[in-house]
Amino acid sequence: MRILALGDVVGSRTIDYLQDTLWRIRQKEGVDLVIANGENATEIRGLSAGDAKALLDTGVDVITLGNHTYGMRDLYPFLEETTNVIRPANYPPEAPGSGYTIVRIDGWRVLCINVNGRVYLDAFASPFDTVDRILEREKGNYDLSVMDVHAEATSEKLALAHYFDGRIDVMFGTHTHVPTADEGILPKGSGYVTDLGMCGPVNGILGTAKEPVIERFRTLMPVRFAVADGEIRAQGVLFEWDGSRVKSVKRLAF
């Protein structure tokens, strides 16, 4: 099975870009499952229900989220209705939606988990304990496991990766929008990369228009962020699993 994990989708223009390109990439690379982080898809802060449906129509099978999960209120009921959009599992239990899902791809049962880090973010529950409970609860119910770690600190992502090495087949980080150069297979066999990067405008700052970001850093005054104009590029990583282990981990951009 070939799994394509795509970095944070920034803005509705990027959804349109994926609509034009993703199915072609799926066919060219023989991709069986696409997972994308969508928490910035509705003009940077959140994901609307309409944009969630549009992103799924592009060829994305599972959308993960992050610390901006609840930026758009119309997503709340949609999270309760769908199994293809998941939010971080370590939100409080009262939060709408689920932190994981199991999808069936060519007869394989794929457990997809989403979790937030805690360093420089809100006081979420422990991602270590949260995911331990999910794995125990779903033991025997899946063949392959995948986890999106939406976190700021690379050290926290690496700590989670090594803690779950050999227990979760595919792990990747999102949130920083900058791809890391450490894609590979960990000592106990898990495929891993610290950050996938992003899908969005390249002529900006993390997909955001440059001027307001610079103004914010220079003045510390409140500003309104907007999605950058110009060329869009999608960044991600392709994981190949042979039915028992991850065979390869390859960076992919288009």
C-alpha atoms as a PDB file:
ATOM      1  CA  MET A   1       0.000   0.000   0.000  1.00  0.00           C
ATOM      2  CA  ARG A   2       1.200   3.491  -0.866  1.00  0.00           C
ATOM      3  CA  ILE A   3       0.171   6.281   1.491  1.00  0.00           C
ATOM      4  CA  LEU A   4       0.601   9.944   0.580  1.00  0.00           C
ATOM      5  CA  ALA A   5       0.616  12.340   3.538  1.00  0.00           C
ATOM      6  CA  LEU A   6       0.194  15.995   2.565  1.00  0.00           C
ATOM      7  CA  GLY A   7       1.246  18.956   4.689  1.00  0.00           C
ATOM      8  CA  ASP A   8      -1.090  21.663   5.986  1.00  0.00           C
ATOM      9  CA  VAL A   9      -3.444  22.911   3.246  1.00  0.00           C
ATOM     10  CA  VAL A  10      -3.446  26.720   3.242  1.00  0.00           C
ATOM     11  CA  GLY A  11      -6.426  28.550   1.749  1.00  0.00           C
ATOM     12  CA  SER A  12      -9.255  27.743  -0.619  1.00  0.00           C
ATOM     13  CA  ARG A  13      -7.045  28.439  -3.675  1.00  0.00           C
ATOM     14  CA  THR A  14      -4.966  25.461  -2.620  1.00  0.00           C
ATOM     15  CA  ILE A  15      -8.068  23.269  -2.514  1.00  0.00           C
ATOM     16  CA  ASP A  16      -8.693  24.304  -6.133  1.00  0.00           C
ATOM     17  CA  TYR A  17      -5.064  23.486  -6.956  1.00  0.00           C
ATOM     18  CA  LEU A  18      -5.400  20.006  -5.472  1.00  0.00           C
ATOM     19  CA  GLN A  19      -8.631  19.530  -7.406  1.00  0.00           C
ATOM     20  CA  ASP A  20      -6.621  20.064 -10.594  1.00  0.00           C
ATOM     21  CA  THR A  21      -3.563  17.977  -9.658  1.00  0.00           C
ATOM     22  CA  LEU A  22      -4.113  15.370  -6.949  1.00  0.00           C
ATOM     23  CA  TRP A  23      -5.910  12.650  -8.894  1.00  0.00           C
ATOM     24  CA  ARG A  24      -3.201  12.786 -11.556  1.00  0.00           C
ATOM     25  CA  ILE A  25      -0.516  12.391  -8.856  1.00  0.00           C
ATOM     26  CA  ARG A  26      -2.444   9.519  -7.281  1.00  0.00           C
ATOM     27  CA  GLN A  27      -2.480   7.673 -10.591  1.00  0.00           C
ATOM     28  CA  LYS A  28       1.133   8.457 -11.457  1.00  0.00           C
ATOM     29  CA  GLU A  29       2.503   7.339  -8.064  1.00  0.00           C
ATOM     30  CA  GLY A  30       0.047   4.483  -7.494  1.00  0.00           C
ATOM     31  CA  VAL A  31      -1.258   6.060  -4.292  1.00  0.00           C
ATOM     32  CA  ASP A  32      -3.872   4.053  -2.377  1.00  0.00           C
ATOM     33  CA  LEU A  33      -4.574   6.444   0.509  1.00  0.00           C
ATOM     34  CA  VAL A  34      -4.190  10.228   0.862  1.00  0.00           C
ATOM     35  CA  ILE A  35      -4.173  11.947   4.246  1.00  0.00           C
ATOM     36  CA  ALA A  36      -3.975  15.745   4.429  1.00  0.00           C
ATOM     37  CA  ASN A  37      -3.957  18.210   7.303  1.00  0.00           C
ATOM     38  CA  GLY A  38      -6.742  20.722   6.656  1.00  0.00           C
ATOM     39  CA  GLU A  39      -6.737  23.031   9.652  1.00  0.00           C
ATOM     40  CA  ASN A  40      -5.644  26.091   7.603  1.00  0.00           C
ATOM     41  CA  ALA A  41      -7.737  25.376   4.520  1.00  0.00           C
ATOM     42  CA  THR A  42     -10.373  28.032   5.189  1.00  0.00           C
ATOM     43  CA  GLU A  43      -8.228  31.123   4.765  1.00  0.00           C
ATOM     44  CA  ILE A  44      -5.617  30.104   7.352  1.00  0.00           C
ATOM     45  CA  ARG A  45      -7.622  29.677  10.556  1.00  0.00           C
ATOM     46  CA  GLY A  46      -9.815  26.603  10.590  1.00  0.00           C
ATOM     47  CA  LEU A  47     -11.792  24.443   8.191  1.00  0.00           C
ATOM     48  CA  SER A  48     -15.391  25.062   7.172  1.00  0.00           C
ATOM     49  CA  ALA A  49     -17.762  22.194   6.426  1.00  0.00           C
ATOM     50  CA  GLY A  50     -17.954  23.304   2.788  1.00  0.00           C
ATOM     51  CA  ASP A  51     -14.188  23.386   2.410  1.00  0.00           C
ATOM     52  CA  ALA A  52     -13.918  19.997   4.132  1.00  0.00           C
ATOM     53  CA  LYS A  53     -16.251  18.483   1.547  1.00  0.00           C
ATOM     54  CA  ALA A  54     -14.377  20.216  -1.271  1.00  0.00           C
ATOM     55  CA  LEU A  55     -11.028  18.934   0.015  1.00  0.00           C
ATOM     56  CA  LEU A  56     -12.370  15.378   0.194  1.00  0.00           C
ATOM     57  CA  ASP A  57     -13.545  15.749  -3.417  1.00  0.00           C
ATOM     58  CA  THR A  58      -9.970  16.513  -4.546  1.00  0.00           C
ATOM     59  CA  GLY A  59      -8.868  12.946  -3.800  1.00  0.00           C
ATOM     60  CA  VAL A  60      -8.045  13.272  -0.103  1.00  0.00           C
ATOM     61  CA  ASP A  61      -9.373  10.267   1.840  1.00  0.00           C
ATOM     62  CA  VAL A  62      -8.828  11.453   5.415  1.00  0.00           C
ATOM     63  CA  ILE A  63      -8.467  15.026   6.714  1.00  0.00           C
ATOM     64  CA  THR A  64      -6.636  15.626   9.984  1.00  0.00           C
ATOM     65  CA  LEU A  65      -6.771  18.865  11.961  1.00  0.00           C
ATOM     66  CA  GLY A  66      -4.905  20.675  14.748  1.00  0.00           C
ATOM     67  CA  ASN A  67      -5.017  23.575  17.167  1.00  0.00           C
ATOM     68  CA  HIS A  68      -7.286  25.586  14.796  1.00  0.00           C
ATOM     69  CA  THR A  69      -9.835  22.768  14.574  1.00  0.00           C
ATOM     70  CA  TYR A  70     -12.714  24.800  15.961  1.00  0.00           C
ATOM     71  CA  GLY A  71     -12.081  28.040  14.086  1.00  0.00           C
ATOM     72  CA  MET A  72     -15.209  27.531  11.938  1.00  0.00           C
ATOM     73  CA  ARG A  73     -18.406  26.706  13.818  1.00  0.00           C
ATOM     74  CA  ASP A  74     -20.172  25.094  10.882  1.00  0.00           C
ATOM     75  CA  LEU A  75     -17.610  22.286  11.051  1.00  0.00           C
ATOM     76  CA  TYR A  76     -18.829  21.150  14.488  1.00  0.00           C
ATOM     77  CA  PRO A  77     -21.879  19.150  13.312  1.00  0.00           C
ATOM     78  CA  PHE A  78     -19.986  17.882  10.265  1.00  0.00           C
ATOM     79  CA  LEU A  79     -17.325  16.396  12.561  1.00  0.00           C
ATOM     80  CA  GLU A  80     -20.072  14.376  14.239  1.00  0.00           C
ATOM     81  CA  GLU A  81     -21.436  13.127  10.915  1.00  0.00           C
ATOM     82  CA  THR A  82     -18.296  12.106   9.019  1.00  0.00           C
ATOM     83  CA  THR A  83     -15.614   9.491   9.597  1.00  0.00           C
ATOM     84  CA  ASN A  84     -13.265  11.066   7.039  1.00  0.00           C
ATOM     85  CA  VAL A  85     -12.408  14.202   9.046  1.00  0.00           C
ATOM     86  CA  ILE A  86     -10.780  13.733  12.437  1.00  0.00           C
ATOM     87  CA  ARG A  87      -9.591  16.204  15.069  1.00  0.00           C
ATOM     88  CA  PRO A  88      -6.756  15.761  17.562  1.00  0.00           C
ATOM     89  CA  ALA A  89      -7.650  12.993  19.992  1.00  0.00           C
ATOM     90  CA  ASN A  90      -6.289  14.839  23.022  1.00  0.00           C
ATOM     91  CA  TYR A  91      -8.892  17.594  22.969  1.00  0.00           C
ATOM     92  CA  PRO A  92     -11.301  17.316  25.924  1.00  0.00           C
ATOM     93  CA  PRO A  93     -13.899  14.563  25.422  1.00  0.00           C
ATOM     94  CA  GLU A  94     -16.657  17.173  25.119  1.00  0.00           C
ATOM     95  CA  ALA A  95     -15.129  18.513  21.884  1.00  0.00           C
ATOM     96  CA  PRO A  96     -17.090  17.596  18.729  1.00  0.00           C
ATOM     97  CA  GLY A  97     -15.712  14.855  16.519  1.00  0.00           C
ATOM     98  CA  SER A  98     -13.366  11.921  16.951  1.00  0.00           C
ATOM     99  CA  GLY A  99      -9.595  11.735  17.292  1.00  0.00           C
ATOM    100  CA  TYR A 100      -9.235   8.694  15.050  1.00  0.00           C
ATOM    101  CA  THR A 101     -10.945   6.674  12.368  1.00  0.00           C
ATOM    102  CA  ILE A 102     -10.532   3.303  10.674  1.00  0.00           C
ATOM    103  CA  VAL A 103     -10.822   3.321   6.884  1.00  0.00           C
ATOM    104  CA  ARG A 104     -10.841   0.323   4.557  1.00  0.00           C
ATOM    105  CA  ILE A 105      -8.501   0.415   1.559  1.00  0.00           C
ATOM    106  CA  ASP A 106      -8.355  -2.618  -0.753  1.00  0.00           C
ATOM    107  CA  GLY A 107      -9.405  -4.881   2.114  1.00  0.00           C
ATOM    108  CA  TRP A 108      -6.901  -3.426   4.595  1.00  0.00           C
ATOM    109  CA  ARG A 109      -8.114  -1.708   7.757  1.00  0.00           C
ATOM    110  CA  VAL A 110      -6.153   1.505   8.316  1.00  0.00           C
ATOM    111  CA  LEU A 111      -6.247   3.176  11.724  1.00  0.00           C
ATOM    112  CA  CYS A 112      -5.686   6.935  11.308  1.00  0.00           C
ATOM    113  CA  ILE A 113      -4.920   8.918  14.477  1.00  0.00           C
ATOM    114  CA  ASN A 114      -4.577  12.682  14.953  1.00  0.00           C
ATOM    115  CA  VAL A 115      -2.980  14.247  18.031  1.00  0.00           C
ATOM    116  CA  ASN A 116      -1.825  17.713  19.132  1.00  0.00           C
ATOM    117  CA  GLY A 117       1.500  18.427  20.781  1.00  0.00           C
ATOM    118  CA  ARG A 118       1.600  20.484  23.974  1.00  0.00           C
ATOM    119  CA  VAL A 119       4.843  22.495  23.728  1.00  0.00           C
ATOM    120  CA  TYR A 120       3.957  26.165  22.902  1.00  0.00           C
ATOM    121  CA  LEU A 121       0.324  25.133  22.330  1.00  0.00           C
ATOM    122  CA  ASP A 122      -2.715  24.822  24.596  1.00  0.00           C
ATOM    123  CA  ALA A 123      -2.904  22.546  27.611  1.00  0.00           C
ATOM    124  CA  PHE A 124      -4.060  19.457  25.748  1.00  0.00           C
ATOM    125  CA  ALA A 125      -4.108  16.040  27.396  1.00  0.00           C
ATOM    126  CA  SER A 126      -0.947  13.961  27.138  1.00  0.00           C
ATOM    127  CA  PRO A 127      -0.563  12.755  23.537  1.00  0.00           C
ATOM    128  CA  PHE A 128       1.429   9.765  24.810  1.00  0.00           C
ATOM    129  CA  ASP A 129      -1.311   8.527  27.136  1.00  0.00           C
ATOM    130  CA  THR A 130      -4.102   9.416  24.704  1.00  0.00           C
ATOM    131  CA  VAL A 131      -2.631   7.382  21.849  1.00  0.00           C
ATOM    132  CA  ASP A 132      -1.725   4.489  24.162  1.00  0.00           C
ATOM    133  CA  ARG A 133      -5.419   4.243  25.063  1.00  0.00           C
ATOM    134  CA  ILE A 134      -6.501   4.323  21.408  1.00  0.00           C
ATOM    135  CA  LEU A 135      -4.096   1.527  20.461  1.00  0.00           C
ATOM    136  CA  GLU A 136      -5.309  -0.603  23.362  1.00  0.00           C
ATOM    137  CA  ARG A 137      -8.978   0.089  22.591  1.00  0.00           C
ATOM    138  CA  GLU A 138      -8.632  -0.792  18.899  1.00  0.00           C
ATOM    139  CA  LYS A 139      -6.255  -3.744  19.285  1.00  0.00           C
ATOM    140  CA  GLY A 140      -7.086  -6.359  16.648  1.00  0.00           C
ATOM    141  CA  ASN A 141      -9.338  -3.991  14.701  1.00  0.00           C
ATOM    142  CA  TYR A 142      -6.762  -2.680  12.215  1.00  0.00           C
ATOM    143  CA  ASP A 143      -3.944  -3.882   9.961  1.00  0.00           C
ATOM    144  CA  LEU A 144      -1.979  -0.660   9.470  1.00  0.00           C
ATOM    145  CA  SER A 145      -1.703   2.446  11.668  1.00  0.00           C
ATOM    146  CA  VAL A 146      -0.967   6.063  10.742  1.00  0.00           C
ATOM    147  CA  MET A 147      -0.551   9.119  12.998  1.00  0.00           C
ATOM    148  CA  ASP A 148      -0.423  12.872  12.341  1.00  0.00           C
ATOM    149  CA  VAL A 149       1.391  14.680  15.177  1.00  0.00           C
ATOM    150  CA  HIS A 150       0.344  18.324  14.928  1.00  0.00           C
ATOM    151  CA  ALA A 151       2.977  20.030  17.052  1.00  0.00           C
ATOM    152  CA  GLU A 152       5.307  23.019  17.231  1.00  0.00           C
ATOM    153  CA  ALA A 153       8.420  21.461  18.788  1.00  0.00           C
ATOM    154  CA  THR A 154      10.519  19.039  16.771  1.00  0.00           C
ATOM    155  CA  SER A 155      11.724  17.456  20.007  1.00  0.00           C
ATOM    156  CA  GLU A 156       8.164  16.590  21.013  1.00  0.00           C
ATOM    157  CA  LYS A 157       7.441  15.078  17.607  1.00  0.00           C
ATOM    158  CA  LEU A 158      10.607  12.983  17.796  1.00  0.00           C
ATOM    159  CA  ALA A 159       9.819  11.884  21.345  1.00  0.00           C
ATOM    160  CA  LEU A 160       6.391  10.663  20.262  1.00  0.00           C
ATOM    161  CA  ALA A 161       7.891   8.980  17.197  1.00  0.00           C
ATOM    162  CA  HIS A 162      10.418   7.001  19.212  1.00  0.00           C
ATOM    163  CA  TYR A 163       7.877   6.167  21.920  1.00  0.00           C
ATOM    164  CA  PHE A 164       5.534   4.650  19.308  1.00  0.00           C
ATOM    165  CA  ASP A 165       8.249   3.272  17.000  1.00  0.00           C
ATOM    166  CA  GLY A 166       7.270  -0.274  16.040  1.00  0.00           C
ATOM    167  CA  ARG A 167       3.721   0.219  17.335  1.00  0.00           C
ATOM    168  CA  ILE A 168       2.469   2.769  14.781  1.00  0.00           C
ATOM    169  CA  ASP A 169       3.522   2.029  11.209  1.00  0.00           C
ATOM    170  CA  VAL A 170       3.519   5.536   9.723  1.00  0.00           C
ATOM    171  CA  MET A 171       4.070   8.786  11.655  1.00  0.00           C
ATOM    172  CA  PHE A 172       4.497  12.339  10.428  1.00  0.00           C
ATOM    173  CA  GLY A 173       4.439  15.843  11.826  1.00  0.00           C
ATOM    174  CA  THR A 174       2.437  18.853  10.710  1.00  0.00           C
ATOM    175  CA  HIS A 175       1.901  22.466  11.883  1.00  0.00           C
ATOM    176  CA  THR A 176       5.182  24.268  11.141  1.00  0.00           C
ATOM    177  CA  HIS A 177       4.628  24.323   7.344  1.00  0.00           C
ATOM    178  CA  VAL A 178       8.364  23.772   6.778  1.00  0.00           C
ATOM    179  CA  PRO A 179       9.475  20.338   5.493  1.00  0.00           C
ATOM    180  CA  THR A 180      12.208  18.598   7.441  1.00  0.00           C
ATOM    181  CA  ALA A 181      14.973  16.512   5.873  1.00  0.00           C
ATOM    182  CA  ASP A 182      14.767  13.508   8.199  1.00  0.00           C
ATOM    183  CA  GLU A 183      12.331  11.259   6.348  1.00  0.00           C
ATOM    184  CA  GLY A 184      13.190   7.597   6.835  1.00  0.00           C
ATOM    185  CA  ILE A 185      12.537   4.414   8.786  1.00  0.00           C
ATOM    186  CA  LEU A 186      13.064   4.411  12.551  1.00  0.00           C
ATOM    187  CA  PRO A 187      15.020   1.623  14.349  1.00  0.00           C
ATOM    188  CA  LYS A 188      11.923  -0.477  15.127  1.00  0.00           C
ATOM    189  CA  GLY A 189      10.449  -0.120  11.657  1.00  0.00           C
ATOM    190  CA  SER A 190       8.098   2.874  11.653  1.00  0.00           C
ATOM    191  CA  GLY A 191       8.141   5.274   8.706  1.00  0.00           C
ATOM    192  CA  TYR A 192       8.622   8.833   9.908  1.00  0.00           C
ATOM    193  CA  VAL A 193       9.217  12.493   9.036  1.00  0.00           C
ATOM    194  CA  THR A 194       9.219  15.361  11.546  1.00  0.00           C
ATOM    195  CA  ASP A 195       7.272  17.744   9.298  1.00  0.00           C
ATOM    196  CA  LEU A 196       5.624  17.285   5.911  1.00  0.00           C
ATOM    197  CA  GLY A 197       5.694  20.965   4.968  1.00  0.00           C
ATOM    198  CA  MET A 198       2.573  22.567   3.489  1.00  0.00           C
ATOM    199  CA  CYS A 199       0.318  22.756   0.481  1.00  0.00           C
ATOM    200  CA  GLY A 200      -0.039  26.423  -0.341  1.00  0.00           C
ATOM    201  CA  PRO A 201       1.430  29.598  -1.865  1.00  0.00           C
ATOM    202  CA  VAL A 202       5.220  29.526  -1.907  1.00  0.00           C
ATOM    203  CA  ASN A 203       5.690  33.298  -2.249  1.00  0.00           C
ATOM    204  CA  GLY A 204       4.716  34.120   1.310  1.00  0.00           C
ATOM    205  CA  ILE A 205       5.529  33.282   4.915  1.00  0.00           C
ATOM    206  CA  LEU A 206       4.202  29.804   5.661  1.00  0.00           C
ATOM    207  CA  GLY A 207       1.512  30.411   3.041  1.00  0.00           C
ATOM    208  CA  THR A 208       0.525  33.774   4.533  1.00  0.00           C
ATOM    209  CA  ALA A 209       0.960  37.155   2.838  1.00  0.00           C
ATOM    210  CA  LYS A 210       4.358  38.561   3.853  1.00  0.00           C
ATOM    211  CA  GLU A 211       3.483  42.162   4.745  1.00  0.00           C
ATOM    212  CA  PRO A 212       1.153  41.551   7.716  1.00  0.00           C
ATOM    213  CA  VAL A 213       3.491  38.914   9.150  1.00  0.00           C
ATOM    214  CA  ILE A 214       6.463  41.271   8.963  1.00  0.00           C
ATOM    215  CA  GLU A 215       4.379  44.069  10.486  1.00  0.00           C
ATOM    216  CA  ARG A 216       3.370  41.825  13.363  1.00  0.00           C
ATOM    217  CA  PHE A 217       6.983  40.891  14.103  1.00  0.00           C
ATOM    218  CA  ARG A 218       8.194  44.506  13.829  1.00  0.00           C
ATOM    219  CA  THR A 219       5.431  46.257  15.790  1.00  0.00           C
ATOM    220  CA  LEU A 220       3.756  43.545  17.928  1.00  0.00           C
ATOM    221  CA  MET A 221       0.461  45.166  16.918  1.00  0.00           C
ATOM    222  CA  PRO A 222      -2.621  43.129  15.926  1.00  0.00           C
ATOM    223  CA  VAL A 223      -2.860  42.529  12.179  1.00  0.00           C
ATOM    224  CA  ARG A 224      -5.183  40.629   9.876  1.00  0.00           C
ATOM    225  CA  PHE A 225      -3.459  37.730   8.126  1.00  0.00           C
ATOM    226  CA  ALA A 226      -4.385  36.696   4.588  1.00  0.00           C
ATOM    227  CA  VAL A 227      -3.373  33.853   2.290  1.00  0.00           C
ATOM    228  CA  ALA A 228      -0.483  34.811   0.012  1.00  0.00           C
ATOM    229  CA  ASP A 229      -0.911  35.264  -3.727  1.00  0.00           C
ATOM    230  CA  GLY A 230       1.081  33.566  -6.451  1.00  0.00           C
ATOM    231  CA  GLU A 231       2.323  30.066  -7.213  1.00  0.00           C
ATOM    232  CA  ILE A 232       1.002  27.143  -5.178  1.00  0.00           C
ATOM    233  CA  ARG A 233       2.931  23.961  -4.445  1.00  0.00           C
ATOM    234  CA  ALA A 234       1.982  20.804  -2.569  1.00  0.00           C
ATOM    235  CA  GLN A 235       4.489  19.115  -0.250  1.00  0.00           C
ATOM    236  CA  GLY A 236       4.211  15.702   1.312  1.00  0.00           C
ATOM    237  CA  VAL A 237       5.775  12.307   1.874  1.00  0.00           C
ATOM    238  CA  LEU A 238       4.965   8.977   0.234  1.00  0.00           C
ATOM    239  CA  PHE A 239       5.147   5.893   2.464  1.00  0.00           C
ATOM    240  CA  GLU A 240       5.169   2.370   1.018  1.00  0.00           C
ATOM    241  CA  TRP A 241       3.936  -0.499   3.232  1.00  0.00           C
ATOM    242  CA  ASP A 242       4.232  -4.109   2.034  1.00  0.00           C
ATOM    243  CA  GLY A 243       1.605  -5.684   4.285  1.00  0.00           C
ATOM    244  CA  SER A 244       3.908  -6.154   7.249  1.00  0.00           C
ATOM    245  CA  ARG A 245       6.379  -3.251   7.352  1.00  0.00           C
ATOM    246  CA  VAL A 246       7.238   0.125   5.835  1.00  0.00           C
ATOM    247  CA  LYS A 247       9.596  -0.412   2.901  1.00  0.00           C
ATOM    248  CA  SER A 248      10.296   3.153   1.818  1.00  0.00           C
ATOM    249  CA  VAL A 249       9.719   6.800   2.725  1.00  0.00           C
ATOM    250  CA  LYS A 250      10.042   9.343  -0.078  1.00  0.00           C
ATOM    251  CA  ARG A 251       9.507  13.100  -0.217  1.00  0.00           C
ATOM    252  CA  LEU A 252       7.027  14.228  -2.871  1.00  0.00           C
ATOM    253  CA  ALA A 253       6.198  17.722  -4.142  1.00  0.00           C
ATOM    254  CA  PHE A 254       4.032  18.825  -7.055  1.00  0.00           C
END
